[in-house]
Amino acid sequence: MRDEALILTPWNIGPTHFDTVISACRQAGFEPRLGQSALQIGTVINLVAADLGFSLVLPSMSQLWVTGVVYRTIKGKAPIARLALAYRRGETSEIVRNFIAQVTA
């Protein structure tokens, strides 16, 4: 991947993701060459399909089938993605409250 452009969302959109991906490339032994950036992960994947480079995405994105894109699992220790939970203040749904309790426990 060292000779391919790395396609990412811009740092100011997702600094944690951006820094994690750059760090993962460096840990793999190469300095990534930044290519085109995109504001949405779906656009990132379509830029990969257009043969403009590669990207590291969450495993769940492999459900997004785009012609020309192949998803591969990272061997060894994969980078860890940190997620955040957003919900409506004063949420009254029991299902949502239970979910919040489970993921924040």
Foldseek 3Di string as FASTA:
>chain_A
DQVFAEEEADCVLPVVQVVLFQVVQVVVPHGHHHWYYDNDVVVSQVCVQVVRGDYDDDPVCVVVDDPNDDDDDDPDDHGDDDDDDDDDPPDDDPVVVVVCVVVVD
